[in-house]
Amino acid sequence: MKNEKILSLLGLARRAGKISLGHDAAIGAIVKNSAKLCLIASDASQRLKNEFSHACSYEGKTIDFIEIETDMLSLSKAVGSKAAVLTVDDEGFAKKIASLLKSN
């Protein structure tokens, strides 16, 4: 239920143009400081998880990095494009999604 709400919000953020989807776009958003939240699928490779975990905290950055309990297929369906990692580039969407992920 919680995952469905998060995936729905991600789809909405995608349609609003507030998501950087995929490796290169997500890294670009992190480097430009436009990323507010970084999400990665549970079945992404460990190398990818390590890379983004490091990127989100590199040089004093404090971008929340969260591994979501959703596989790449479900994440891709929600946002309409194949990807294992994405950044949310809007403060409102990022806060709402992070609060849903952190609440149990």
N, C-alpha and C. Protein backbone atom coordinates (compact mmCIF):
# COMPACT_ATOMS: atom_id res chain seq x y z
N MET A 1 0.83 -1.20 0.00
CA MET A 1 0.00 0.00 0.00
C MET A 1 0.87 1.26 0.00
N LYS A 2 1.83 1.31 0.93
CA LYS A 2 2.73 2.47 1.01
C LYS A 2 3.53 2.60 -0.28
N ASN A 3 4.02 1.44 -0.80
CA ASN A 3 4.80 1.46 -2.03
C ASN A 3 3.98 2.00 -3.20
N GLU A 4 2.69 1.62 -3.26
CA GLU A 4 1.83 2.11 -4.34
C GLU A 4 1.71 3.63 -4.30
N LYS A 5 1.60 4.17 -3.11
CA LYS A 5 1.49 5.62 -2.95
C LYS A 5 2.78 6.32 -3.41
N ILE A 6 3.91 5.72 -3.04
CA ILE A 6 5.20 6.28 -3.44
C ILE A 6 5.36 6.22 -4.96
N LEU A 7 5.04 5.07 -5.54
CA LEU A 7 5.15 4.92 -7.00
C LEU A 7 4.21 5.87 -7.73
N SER A 8 3.04 6.08 -7.16
CA SER A 8 2.08 7.02 -7.74
C SER A 8 2.64 8.45 -7.70
N LEU A 9 3.24 8.82 -6.58
CA LEU A 9 3.85 10.15 -6.46
C LEU A 9 5.01 10.31 -7.44
N LEU A 10 5.79 9.24 -7.62
CA LEU A 10 6.90 9.29 -8.57
C LEU A 10 6.39 9.49 -10.00
N GLY A 11 5.28 8.82 -10.33
CA GLY A 11 4.67 9.00 -11.65
C GLY A 11 4.20 10.42 -11.85
N LEU A 12 3.61 10.99 -10.81
CA LEU A 12 3.14 12.38 -10.86
C LEU A 12 4.32 13.34 -11.02
N ALA A 13 5.39 13.09 -10.27
CA ALA A 13 6.58 13.94 -10.37
C ALA A 13 7.20 13.84 -11.76
N ARG A 14 7.16 12.65 -12.34
CA ARG A 14 7.69 12.44 -13.69
C ARG A 14 6.90 13.28 -14.71
N ARG A 15 5.58 13.22 -14.58
CA ARG A 15 4.75 13.99 -15.52
C ARG A 15 4.93 15.49 -15.33
N ALA A 16 5.30 15.89 -14.11
CA ALA A 16 5.53 17.31 -13.83
C ALA A 16 6.95 17.73 -14.22
N GLY A 17 7.75 16.77 -14.68
CA GLY A 17 9.12 17.09 -15.10
C GLY A 17 10.07 17.32 -13.94
N LYS A 18 9.80 16.73 -12.80
CA LYS A 18 10.59 16.95 -11.60
C LYS A 18 11.47 15.76 -11.23
N ILE A 19 11.75 14.90 -12.20
CA ILE A 19 12.57 13.71 -11.95
C ILE A 19 13.71 13.64 -12.97
N SER A 20 14.89 13.27 -12.49
CA SER A 20 16.01 12.96 -13.39
C SER A 20 16.15 11.45 -13.36
N LEU A 21 15.92 10.83 -14.50
CA LEU A 21 15.77 9.39 -14.58
C LEU A 21 16.97 8.72 -15.24
N GLY A 22 17.51 7.70 -14.58
CA GLY A 22 18.63 6.96 -15.13
C GLY A 22 19.96 7.48 -14.60
N HIS A 23 21.00 6.71 -14.84
CA HIS A 23 22.33 6.99 -14.30
C HIS A 23 22.83 8.39 -14.65
N ASP A 24 22.94 8.69 -15.92
CA ASP A 24 23.56 9.95 -16.34
C ASP A 24 22.76 11.17 -15.90
N ALA A 25 21.44 11.12 -16.06
CA ALA A 25 20.59 12.25 -15.66
C ALA A 25 20.64 12.45 -14.14
N ALA A 26 20.63 11.35 -13.38
CA ALA A 26 20.65 11.45 -11.92
C ALA A 26 21.99 12.01 -11.44
N ILE A 27 23.09 11.54 -12.00
CA ILE A 27 24.41 12.08 -11.63
C ILE A 27 24.47 13.57 -11.97
N GLY A 28 23.94 13.93 -13.13
CA GLY A 28 23.92 15.34 -13.53
C GLY A 28 23.15 16.20 -12.54
N ALA A 29 22.00 15.72 -12.09
CA ALA A 29 21.18 16.47 -11.13
C ALA A 29 21.90 16.61 -9.79
N ILE A 30 22.62 15.55 -9.38
CA ILE A 30 23.37 15.60 -8.12
C ILE A 30 24.51 16.61 -8.22
N VAL A 31 25.24 16.57 -9.33
CA VAL A 31 26.37 17.49 -9.55
C VAL A 31 25.89 18.94 -9.58
N LYS A 32 24.75 19.19 -10.24
CA LYS A 32 24.22 20.55 -10.36
C LYS A 32 23.45 21.01 -9.12
N ASN A 33 23.37 20.15 -8.11
CA ASN A 33 22.64 20.44 -6.87
C ASN A 33 21.14 20.66 -7.07
N SER A 34 20.57 20.11 -8.13
CA SER A 34 19.13 20.23 -8.32
C SER A 34 18.39 19.04 -7.70
N ALA A 35 19.13 17.96 -7.39
CA ALA A 35 18.51 16.76 -6.79
C ALA A 35 18.21 17.02 -5.31
N LYS A 36 17.01 16.67 -4.89
CA LYS A 36 16.61 16.79 -3.48
C LYS A 36 16.56 15.43 -2.80
N LEU A 37 16.39 14.37 -3.61
CA LEU A 37 16.25 13.02 -3.08
C LEU A 37 16.71 12.05 -4.16
N CYS A 38 17.47 11.03 -3.77
CA CYS A 38 17.93 10.01 -4.72
C CYS A 38 17.35 8.67 -4.31
N LEU A 39 16.67 8.01 -5.24
CA LEU A 39 16.06 6.70 -4.98
C LEU A 39 16.68 5.66 -5.90
N ILE A 40 16.88 4.46 -5.35
CA ILE A 40 17.45 3.38 -6.15
C ILE A 40 16.65 2.11 -5.89
N ALA A 41 16.44 1.35 -6.94
CA ALA A 41 15.66 0.11 -6.84
C ALA A 41 16.40 -0.93 -6.00
N SER A 42 15.65 -1.78 -5.33
CA SER A 42 16.24 -2.79 -4.45
C SER A 42 17.11 -3.80 -5.20
N ASP A 43 16.79 -4.04 -6.47
CA ASP A 43 17.57 -5.02 -7.24
C ASP A 43 18.64 -4.40 -8.14
N ALA A 44 18.97 -3.14 -7.88
CA ALA A 44 20.07 -2.50 -8.61
C ALA A 44 21.39 -3.13 -8.15
N SER A 45 22.42 -3.01 -8.96
CA SER A 45 23.71 -3.62 -8.62
C SER A 45 24.34 -2.91 -7.41
N GLN A 46 25.16 -3.65 -6.69
CA GLN A 46 25.83 -3.07 -5.52
C GLN A 46 26.76 -1.94 -5.95
N ARG A 47 27.38 -2.08 -7.12
CA ARG A 47 28.26 -1.03 -7.63
C ARG A 47 27.50 0.28 -7.82
N LEU A 48 26.29 0.17 -8.39
CA LEU A 48 25.46 1.35 -8.61
C LEU A 48 25.04 1.98 -7.28
N LYS A 49 24.65 1.14 -6.33
CA LYS A 49 24.27 1.64 -5.00
C LYS A 49 25.42 2.38 -4.34
N ASN A 50 26.62 1.79 -4.42
CA ASN A 50 27.81 2.43 -3.82
C ASN A 50 28.12 3.76 -4.50
N GLU A 51 28.03 3.78 -5.82
CA GLU A 51 28.33 4.99 -6.59
C GLU A 51 27.41 6.14 -6.19
N PHE A 52 26.12 5.85 -6.11
CA PHE A 52 25.17 6.92 -5.78
C PHE A 52 25.19 7.29 -4.31
N SER A 53 25.44 6.33 -3.45
CA SER A 53 25.58 6.63 -2.03
C SER A 53 26.72 7.62 -1.83
N HIS A 54 27.82 7.36 -2.51
CA HIS A 54 28.99 8.25 -2.43
C HIS A 54 28.68 9.61 -3.06
N ALA A 55 28.06 9.62 -4.22
CA ALA A 55 27.78 10.88 -4.93
C ALA A 55 26.87 11.80 -4.11
N CYS A 56 25.93 11.22 -3.38
CA CYS A 56 24.97 12.03 -2.61
C CYS A 56 25.59 12.66 -1.37
N SER A 57 26.75 12.18 -0.97
CA SER A 57 27.40 12.76 0.21
C SER A 57 28.77 13.35 -0.12
N TYR A 58 29.12 13.39 -1.40
CA TYR A 58 30.43 13.87 -1.84
C TYR A 58 30.53 15.39 -1.70
N GLU A 59 31.67 15.87 -1.26
CA GLU A 59 31.95 17.30 -1.13
C GLU A 59 30.87 18.04 -0.35
N GLY A 60 30.46 17.48 0.76
CA GLY A 60 29.52 18.17 1.64
C GLY A 60 28.06 18.12 1.21
N LYS A 61 27.76 17.40 0.15
CA LYS A 61 26.36 17.29 -0.28
C LYS A 61 25.58 16.48 0.77
N THR A 62 24.32 16.84 0.95
CA THR A 62 23.49 16.12 1.93
C THR A 62 22.17 15.70 1.28
N ILE A 63 22.28 15.06 0.14
CA ILE A 63 21.10 14.58 -0.58
C ILE A 63 20.70 13.24 0.01
N ASP A 64 19.44 13.11 0.42
CA ASP A 64 18.97 11.84 0.96
C ASP A 64 19.10 10.75 -0.11
N PHE A 65 19.71 9.64 0.26
CA PHE A 65 19.86 8.49 -0.63
C PHE A 65 19.10 7.34 0.00
N ILE A 66 18.07 6.85 -0.69
CA ILE A 66 17.23 5.80 -0.13
C ILE A 66 17.07 4.65 -1.12
N GLU A 67 17.33 3.44 -0.63
CA GLU A 67 17.06 2.24 -1.42
C GLU A 67 15.59 1.87 -1.15
N ILE A 68 14.78 1.89 -2.19
CA ILE A 68 13.36 1.61 -2.00
C ILE A 68 13.06 0.13 -2.13
N GLU A 69 12.00 -0.31 -1.48
CA GLU A 69 11.62 -1.72 -1.48
C GLU A 69 10.81 -2.06 -2.73
N THR A 70 11.33 -1.65 -3.86
CA THR A 70 10.67 -1.86 -5.14
C THR A 70 11.71 -2.29 -6.16
N ASP A 71 11.36 -3.22 -7.03
CA ASP A 71 12.32 -3.65 -8.03
C ASP A 71 12.31 -2.70 -9.23
N MET A 72 13.30 -2.89 -10.11
CA MET A 72 13.44 -2.02 -11.28
C MET A 72 12.20 -2.04 -12.17
N LEU A 73 11.59 -3.19 -12.34
CA LEU A 73 10.42 -3.31 -13.19
C LEU A 73 9.27 -2.45 -12.69
N SER A 74 8.97 -2.54 -11.40
CA SER A 74 7.88 -1.74 -10.83
C SER A 74 8.20 -0.25 -10.88
N LEU A 75 9.44 0.09 -10.60
CA LEU A 75 9.86 1.49 -10.65
C LEU A 75 9.74 2.02 -12.08
N SER A 76 10.18 1.22 -13.04
CA SER A 76 10.11 1.62 -14.44
C SER A 76 8.67 1.81 -14.90
N LYS A 77 7.77 0.93 -14.46
CA LYS A 77 6.35 1.07 -14.81
C LYS A 77 5.77 2.36 -14.24
N ALA A 78 6.15 2.69 -13.03
CA ALA A 78 5.62 3.88 -12.36
C ALA A 78 6.02 5.17 -13.06
N VAL A 79 7.26 5.22 -13.54
CA VAL A 79 7.76 6.45 -14.15
C VAL A 79 7.75 6.42 -15.68
N GLY A 80 7.39 5.27 -16.25
CA GLY A 80 7.23 5.19 -17.70
C GLY A 80 8.51 5.07 -18.49
N SER A 81 9.60 4.70 -17.84
CA SER A 81 10.86 4.55 -18.53
C SER A 81 11.76 3.63 -17.70
N LYS A 82 12.57 2.81 -18.37
CA LYS A 82 13.40 1.85 -17.66
C LYS A 82 14.55 2.55 -16.93
N ALA A 83 14.62 2.33 -15.62
CA ALA A 83 15.70 2.90 -14.82
C ALA A 83 15.77 2.23 -13.47
N ALA A 84 16.98 2.16 -12.93
CA ALA A 84 17.17 1.60 -11.59
C ALA A 84 17.38 2.70 -10.57
N VAL A 85 17.73 3.89 -11.06
CA VAL A 85 18.01 5.01 -10.15
C VAL A 85 17.38 6.28 -10.71
N LEU A 86 16.94 7.14 -9.80
CA LEU A 86 16.39 8.43 -10.20
C LEU A 86 16.57 9.43 -9.08
N THR A 87 16.51 10.71 -9.43
CA THR A 87 16.50 11.75 -8.41
C THR A 87 15.20 12.53 -8.54
N VAL A 88 14.70 12.96 -7.40
CA VAL A 88 13.52 13.83 -7.35
C VAL A 88 14.08 15.24 -7.20
N ASP A 89 13.74 16.12 -8.13
CA ASP A 89 14.35 17.45 -8.20
C ASP A 89 13.42 18.56 -7.72
N ASP A 90 12.42 18.20 -6.95
CA ASP A 90 11.46 19.17 -6.42
C ASP A 90 11.35 18.96 -4.91
N GLU A 91 11.50 20.03 -4.15
CA GLU A 91 11.49 19.94 -2.68
C GLU A 91 10.21 19.33 -2.13
N GLY A 92 9.06 19.74 -2.66
CA GLY A 92 7.77 19.24 -2.18
C GLY A 92 7.60 17.75 -2.39
N PHE A 93 7.84 17.30 -3.62
CA PHE A 93 7.76 15.86 -3.92
C PHE A 93 8.77 15.08 -3.07
N ALA A 94 9.98 15.60 -2.97
CA ALA A 94 11.04 14.90 -2.24
C ALA A 94 10.67 14.73 -0.76
N LYS A 95 10.16 15.78 -0.15
CA LYS A 95 9.79 15.70 1.28
C LYS A 95 8.66 14.70 1.49
N LYS A 96 7.65 14.72 0.63
CA LYS A 96 6.51 13.83 0.78
C LYS A 96 6.95 12.37 0.59
N ILE A 97 7.74 12.10 -0.44
CA ILE A 97 8.18 10.74 -0.72
C ILE A 97 9.10 10.25 0.41
N ALA A 98 10.03 11.09 0.87
CA ALA A 98 10.93 10.70 1.96
C ALA A 98 10.16 10.42 3.23
N SER A 99 9.14 11.23 3.52
CA SER A 99 8.36 10.99 4.75
C SER A 99 7.58 9.69 4.66
N LEU A 100 7.06 9.36 3.49
CA LEU A 100 6.37 8.08 3.30
C LEU A 100 7.32 6.90 3.44
N LEU A 101 8.53 7.05 2.93
CA LEU A 101 9.52 5.97 3.00
C LEU A 101 10.01 5.75 4.43
N LYS A 102 10.11 6.83 5.20
CA LYS A 102 10.65 6.73 6.56
C LYS A 102 9.61 6.32 7.59
N SER A 103 8.32 6.48 7.24
CA SER A 103 7.27 6.08 8.18
C SER A 103 6.95 4.60 7.98
N ASN A 104 6.65 3.92 9.06
CA ASN A 104 6.32 2.50 8.93
C ASN A 104 4.91 2.23 9.31
